[in-house]
Structure formats: structure tokens, C-alpha cells
C-alpha atoms as a PDB file:
ATOM      1  CA  PHE A   1      41.404 -11.042  20.685  1.00  0.00           C
ATOM      2  CA  PHE A   2      39.717  -8.524  22.996  1.00  0.00           C
ATOM      3  CA  LEU A   3      38.417  -6.543  20.165  1.00  0.00           C
ATOM      4  CA  PHE A   4      37.395  -9.591  18.086  1.00  0.00           C
ATOM      5  CA  ALA A   5      35.407 -10.351  21.161  1.00  0.00           C
ATOM      6  CA  ILE A   6      33.606  -7.162  21.063  1.00  0.00           C
ATOM      7  CA  VAL A   7      32.722  -7.505  17.456  1.00  0.00           C
ATOM      8  CA  ILE A   8      31.505 -10.746  17.801  1.00  0.00           C
ATOM      9  CA  SER A   9      29.386  -9.784  21.042  1.00  0.00           C
ATOM     10  CA  THR A  10      27.829  -6.768  19.147  1.00  0.00           C
ATOM     11  CA  ASN A  11      26.983  -8.967  16.108  1.00  0.00           C
ATOM     12  CA  THR A  12      25.784 -11.411  18.050  1.00  0.00           C
ATOM     13  CA  GLY A  13      23.761  -9.172  20.387  1.00  0.00           C
ATOM     14  CA  TYR A  14      21.880  -7.904  17.016  1.00  0.00           C
ATOM     15  CA  VAL A  15      21.160 -11.269  15.178  1.00  0.00           C
ATOM     16  CA  VAL A  16      19.438 -12.193  18.571  1.00  0.00           C
ATOM     17  CA  GLY A  17      17.270  -9.229  18.570  1.00  0.00           C
ATOM     18  CA  GLN A  18      16.532  -9.835  15.127  1.00  0.00           C
ATOM     19  CA  PHE A  19      15.405 -13.121  15.758  1.00  0.00           C
ATOM     20  CA  ARG A  20      13.394 -12.269  18.389  1.00  0.00           C
ATOM     21  CA  TYR A  21      11.691  -9.182  16.556  1.00  0.00           C
ATOM     22  CA  VAL A  22      10.780 -11.698  13.502  1.00  0.00           C
ATOM     23  CA  ASN A  23       9.877 -14.450  15.512  1.00  0.00           C
ATOM     24  CA  PRO A  24      10.139 -17.048  13.168  1.00  0.00           C
ATOM     25  CA  ILE A  25       9.425 -20.324  15.096  1.00  0.00           C
ATOM     26  CA  GLY A  26       5.535 -19.760  14.887  1.00  0.00           C
ATOM     27  CA  TYR A  27       5.614 -19.987  11.429  1.00  0.00           C
ATOM     28  CA  LEU A  28       8.496 -22.618  10.737  1.00  0.00           C
ATOM     29  CA  SER A  29       6.654 -24.943  13.292  1.00  0.00           C
ATOM     30  CA  GLY A  30       3.232 -24.340  11.270  1.00  0.00           C
ATOM     31  CA  LYS A  31       1.499 -22.526  14.222  1.00  0.00           C
ATOM     32  CA  VAL A  32       1.238 -19.549  11.962  1.00  0.00           C
ATOM     33  CA  SER A  33      -0.047 -19.409   8.524  1.00  0.00           C
ATOM     34  CA  ARG A  34       2.104 -17.708   5.919  1.00  0.00           C
ATOM     35  CA  ASP A  35      -0.622 -14.980   5.396  1.00  0.00           C
ATOM     36  CA  GLU A  36      -0.599 -14.455   9.094  1.00  0.00           C
ATOM     37  CA  TYR A  37       2.937 -14.160   9.704  1.00  0.00           C
ATOM     38  CA  ILE A  38       3.578 -11.749   6.430  1.00  0.00           C
ATOM     39  CA  GLU A  39       0.103  -9.542   7.754  1.00  0.00           C
ATOM     40  CA  LYS A  40       2.123  -9.301  11.181  1.00  0.00           C
ATOM     41  CA  TYR A  41       4.554  -7.168   9.693  1.00  0.00           C
ATOM     42  CA  ARG A  42       3.299  -6.165   6.483  1.00  0.00           C
ATOM     43  CA  PRO A  43      -0.114  -4.650   6.981  1.00  0.00           C
ATOM     44  CA  GLU A  44      -0.975  -3.658   3.551  1.00  0.00           C
ATOM     45  CA  TYR A  45      -0.782  -7.418   2.545  1.00  0.00           C
ATOM     46  CA  ALA A  46      -4.123  -7.964   3.599  1.00  0.00           C
ATOM     47  CA  ALA A  47      -5.366  -5.643   0.830  1.00  0.00           C
ATOM     48  CA  ILE A  48      -2.804  -7.104  -1.783  1.00  0.00           C
ATOM     49  CA  LYS A  49      -4.140 -10.545  -0.808  1.00  0.00           C
ATOM     50  CA  TYR A  50      -7.529  -9.681  -1.503  1.00  0.00           C
ATOM     51  CA  ALA A  51      -6.679  -7.903  -4.621  1.00  0.00           C
ATOM     52  CA  ASN A  52      -4.686 -11.337  -5.928  1.00  0.00           C
ATOM     53  CA  ASN A  53      -7.734 -13.208  -5.021  1.00  0.00           C
ATOM     54  CA  ASN A  54     -10.843 -11.371  -6.222  1.00  0.00           C
ATOM     55  CA  LEU A  55      -9.250  -8.875  -9.127  1.00  0.00           C
ATOM     56  CA  SER A  56      -9.237  -9.679 -12.640  1.00  0.00           C
ATOM     57  CA  GLU A  57      -5.688 -10.735 -13.920  1.00  0.00           C
ATOM     58  CA  ASP A  58      -5.312  -7.405 -15.913  1.00  0.00           C
ATOM     59  CA  ALA A  59      -6.026  -5.383 -13.084  1.00  0.00           C
ATOM     60  CA  LYS A  60      -3.789  -2.351 -12.984  1.00  0.00           C
ATOM     61  CA  ILE A  61      -3.484  -0.954  -9.130  1.00  0.00           C
ATOM     62  CA  LEU A  62      -2.171   2.547  -8.409  1.00  0.00           C
ATOM     63  CA  CYS A  63      -0.487   2.299  -4.858  1.00  0.00           C
ATOM     64  CA  PHE A  64       0.198   4.868  -2.457  1.00  0.00           C
ATOM     65  CA  PHE A  65       2.598   4.672   0.289  1.00  0.00           C
ATOM     66  CA  LEU A  66       3.056   1.009   0.374  1.00  0.00           C
ATOM     67  CA  GLY A  67       7.116   1.313   0.525  1.00  0.00           C
ATOM     68  CA  ASN A  68       7.138   0.326  -3.205  1.00  0.00           C
ATOM     69  CA  ARG A  69       6.476  -3.648  -1.927  1.00  0.00           C
ATOM     70  CA  ARG A  70       5.059  -4.999  -4.833  1.00  0.00           C
ATOM     71  CA  TYR A  71       6.227  -8.880  -4.201  1.00  0.00           C
ATOM     72  CA  TYR A  72       3.063 -10.228  -2.801  1.00  0.00           C
ATOM     73  CA  SER A  73       1.221  -9.108  -5.774  1.00  0.00           C
ATOM     74  CA  ASP A  74      -0.015 -11.088  -8.677  1.00  0.00           C
ATOM     75  CA  ARG A  75      -1.289  -7.839 -10.248  1.00  0.00           C
ATOM     76  CA  GLU A  76       0.274  -5.367 -11.911  1.00  0.00           C
ATOM     77  CA  MET A  77       1.317  -2.463  -9.475  1.00  0.00           C
ATOM     78  CA  LEU A  78       2.197   1.304  -9.889  1.00  0.00           C
ATOM     79  CA  PHE A  79       3.724   3.233  -7.194  1.00  0.00           C
ATOM     80  CA  ASP A  80       3.296   7.119  -8.299  1.00  0.00           C
ATOM     81  CA  GLU A  81       1.498   9.381  -6.233  1.00  0.00           C
ATOM     82  CA  THR A  82       2.287  12.174  -8.594  1.00  0.00           C
ATOM     83  CA  ILE A  83      -0.228  10.649 -10.975  1.00  0.00           C
ATOM     84  CA  LEU A  84      -3.195  11.760  -8.779  1.00  0.00           C
ATOM     85  CA  LYS A  85      -1.559  14.998  -7.823  1.00  0.00           C
ATOM     86  CA  ASN A  86      -0.873  16.219 -11.243  1.00  0.00           C
ATOM     87  CA  SER A  87      -4.537  14.915 -12.429  1.00  0.00           C
ATOM     88  CA  LEU A  88      -5.688  16.697  -9.625  1.00  0.00           C
ATOM     89  CA  LYS A  89      -4.173  19.871  -9.937  1.00  0.00           C
ATOM     90  CA  ARG A  90      -5.281  19.990 -13.607  1.00  0.00           C
ATOM     91  CA  SER A  91      -8.806  19.303 -13.269  1.00  0.00           C
ATOM     92  CA  ASP A  92     -11.822  20.778 -11.939  1.00  0.00           C
ATOM     93  CA  LYS A  93     -14.117  17.682 -11.796  1.00  0.00           C
ATOM     94  CA  PRO A  94     -13.909  14.119 -10.960  1.00  0.00           C
ATOM     95  CA  GLU A  95     -14.621  13.033 -14.410  1.00  0.00           C
ATOM     96  CA  ILE A  96     -11.545  14.227 -15.750  1.00  0.00           C
ATOM     97  CA  ILE A  97      -9.013  12.760 -12.619  1.00  0.00           C
ATOM     98  CA  ILE A  98     -10.804   9.121 -13.602  1.00  0.00           C
ATOM     99  CA  SER A  99     -10.720   9.681 -17.354  1.00  0.00           C
ATOM    100  CA  GLU A 100      -6.976  10.392 -17.028  1.00  0.00           C
ATOM    101  CA  MET A 101      -6.275   7.303 -14.845  1.00  0.00           C
ATOM    102  CA  LYS A 102      -8.780   4.900 -17.100  1.00  0.00           C
ATOM    103  CA  ASN A 103      -6.041   6.047 -20.104  1.00  0.00           C
ATOM    104  CA  MET A 104      -3.304   4.636 -18.183  1.00  0.00           C
ATOM    105  CA  GLY A 105      -5.085   1.643 -17.554  1.00  0.00           C
ATOM    106  CA  ILE A 106      -5.444   1.905 -13.710  1.00  0.00           C
ATOM    107  CA  THR A 107      -8.448   0.046 -12.318  1.00  0.00           C
ATOM    108  CA  HIS A 108      -7.844   0.279  -8.836  1.00  0.00           C
ATOM    109  CA  LEU A 109      -6.309   1.830  -6.010  1.00  0.00           C
ATOM    110  CA  ILE A 110      -4.738   0.754  -2.562  1.00  0.00           C
ATOM    111  CA  ILE A 111      -4.048   3.379   0.022  1.00  0.00           C
ATOM    112  CA  TRP A 112      -2.385   3.379   3.465  1.00  0.00           C
ATOM    113  CA  TYR A 113      -4.704   5.724   4.958  1.00  0.00           C
ATOM    114  CA  ASP A 114      -2.887   7.615   7.540  1.00  0.00           C
ATOM    115  CA  MET A 115       0.163   8.302   4.870  1.00  0.00           C
ATOM    116  CA  PHE A 116      -2.513   9.161   2.442  1.00  0.00           C
ATOM    117  CA  ASN A 117      -4.347  11.792   4.376  1.00  0.00           C
ATOM    118  CA  LYS A 118      -1.153  13.393   5.450  1.00  0.00           C
ATOM    119  CA  TRP A 119      -0.148  13.818   1.865  1.00  0.00           C
ATOM    120  CA  ALA A 120      -3.335  15.419   0.814  1.00  0.00           C
ATOM    121  CA  ASN A 121      -3.389  17.569   3.874  1.00  0.00           C
ATOM    122  CA  ASN A 122       0.394  18.814   3.217  1.00  0.00           C
ATOM    123  CA  ASN A 123      -0.132  18.810  -0.960  1.00  0.00           C
ATOM    124  CA  PHE A 124      -3.290  20.183  -1.662  1.00  0.00           C
ATOM    125  CA  ASN A 125      -5.228  23.344  -1.038  1.00  0.00           C
ATOM    126  CA  GLU A 126      -9.069  23.256   0.170  1.00  0.00           C
ATOM    127  CA  ASP A 127     -10.303  23.413  -3.630  1.00  0.00           C
ATOM    128  CA  GLU A 128      -8.068  20.611  -4.388  1.00  0.00           C
ATOM    129  CA  ARG A 129      -9.032  18.756  -1.121  1.00  0.00           C
ATOM    130  CA  VAL A 130     -12.711  19.077  -1.772  1.00  0.00           C
ATOM    131  CA  LEU A 131     -12.612  17.875  -5.227  1.00  0.00           C
ATOM    132  CA  LEU A 132     -10.312  14.722  -4.143  1.00  0.00           C
ATOM    133  CA  ASP A 133     -13.126  13.853  -1.536  1.00  0.00           C
ATOM    134  CA  ARG A 134     -15.916  14.189  -4.442  1.00  0.00           C
ATOM    135  CA  PHE A 135     -13.501  12.007  -6.416  1.00  0.00           C
ATOM    136  CA  PHE A 136     -13.466   9.146  -3.842  1.00  0.00           C
ATOM    137  CA  LYS A 137     -17.218   9.551  -3.153  1.00  0.00           C
ATOM    138  CA  GLU A 138     -18.593   9.524  -6.811  1.00  0.00           C
ATOM    139  CA  LYS A 139     -15.817   7.829  -8.539  1.00  0.00           C
ATOM    140  CA  THR A 140     -14.443   5.061  -6.650  1.00  0.00           C
ATOM    141  CA  SER A 141     -16.133   2.236  -4.664  1.00  0.00           C
ATOM    142  CA  LEU A 142     -13.937   0.638  -1.640  1.00  0.00           C
ATOM    143  CA  LEU A 143     -13.766  -2.929  -2.118  1.00  0.00           C
ATOM    144  CA  PHE A 144     -11.727  -4.065   0.816  1.00  0.00           C
ATOM    145  CA  SER A 145     -10.246  -2.193   4.158  1.00  0.00           C
ATOM    146  CA  GLU A 146      -8.089  -3.580   6.817  1.00  0.00           C
ATOM    147  CA  GLY A 147      -4.898  -2.763   8.703  1.00  0.00           C
ATOM    148  CA  GLY A 148      -5.144   0.771   7.532  1.00  0.00           C
ATOM    149  CA  HIS A 149      -5.356   0.134   4.183  1.00  0.00           C
ATOM    150  CA  GLY A 150      -7.975   0.235   1.668  1.00  0.00           C
ATOM    151  CA  LEU A 151      -8.561  -1.378  -1.982  1.00  0.00           C
ATOM    152  CA  PHE A 152     -10.644   0.993  -3.912  1.00  0.00           C
ATOM    153  CA  LYS A 153     -12.098   0.118  -7.573  1.00  0.00           C
ATOM    154  CA  LEU A 154     -12.408   2.961 -10.097  1.00  0.00           C
ATOM    155  CA  GLU A 155     -15.825   3.448 -11.554  1.00  0.00           C
ATOM    156  CA  ARG A 156     -16.700   3.953 -15.292  1.00  0.00           C
END
């Protein structure tokens, strides 16, 4: 009985802690909207919601460091940073990078800025980082930015 009481109390403590963390009462009572509730725990949701509401249904989004969370998206999403990495390592100008992405049907990018910057600094040399910077300045346009995440459109 004593062992059972310890196990139950440990699990009860965990459940209470989780309930406090997710705090569903505001959402369940209607004081907090679905979108507000999701954004509280998923900062990339604002960019995904913007994409759902503003991009064409055939948009294909290459995502960087979103944790493979595609379940809120109504648009096709790819989670493979090696697409950009390999293209950047093979290229010497932004036109080649965008051409390869367009050939794959990619139309947009969603990026978690902090992780993307760390990844770029750890994976590319100085020349490659300059090329990456040129690619973003010349071949993309920022459509939306919030919560440390940005949605970029690939230019033609």
C-alpha cells in the first residue's frame, strides 16, 4: 500500500504540474481564442497561420527548425535543411540556389531565426555565409515576421 501511495502521489504531482503549465481553463472557458492558445506554446504558429490565410493552396514551404510540426498547416511543408545546405555548397551565386529550389516546387520558406543563424554560422564558411546573405537579400522577400519566425517568398 505504501509503495502504491508513493507511485500515485508522484504521478499526481506530474499531472498537476502539466495542468498548470498548459493552463487550459482560459481556452476551455472561451476567454482565450484557439489561435491565442496555440501561439502561447507554438511561436511558429503565427507564421503558419499567415501562410494558411494568404498563400495559394499550391504553395510549398521549406521549413527550418520548426520541429517537424506541420499539423497546423494547410499548405505543403518540407522539413529538410539539407536542401539549402547542399545547394549553397554547390553554388556560387543566388540564381543557382533559387533555381534548384524552384525546380523542387518550393515557393516559400519559414525560418526560426535564432536556430537558423546558429546553424548557418556552424555549417558554412565565410564565403558561403556571404552567398546566403545575398540569396536572402536578392531572391527572397519577407512576407511575415512574428515570434522569432519569418515567412519568406522566393522571388523569380
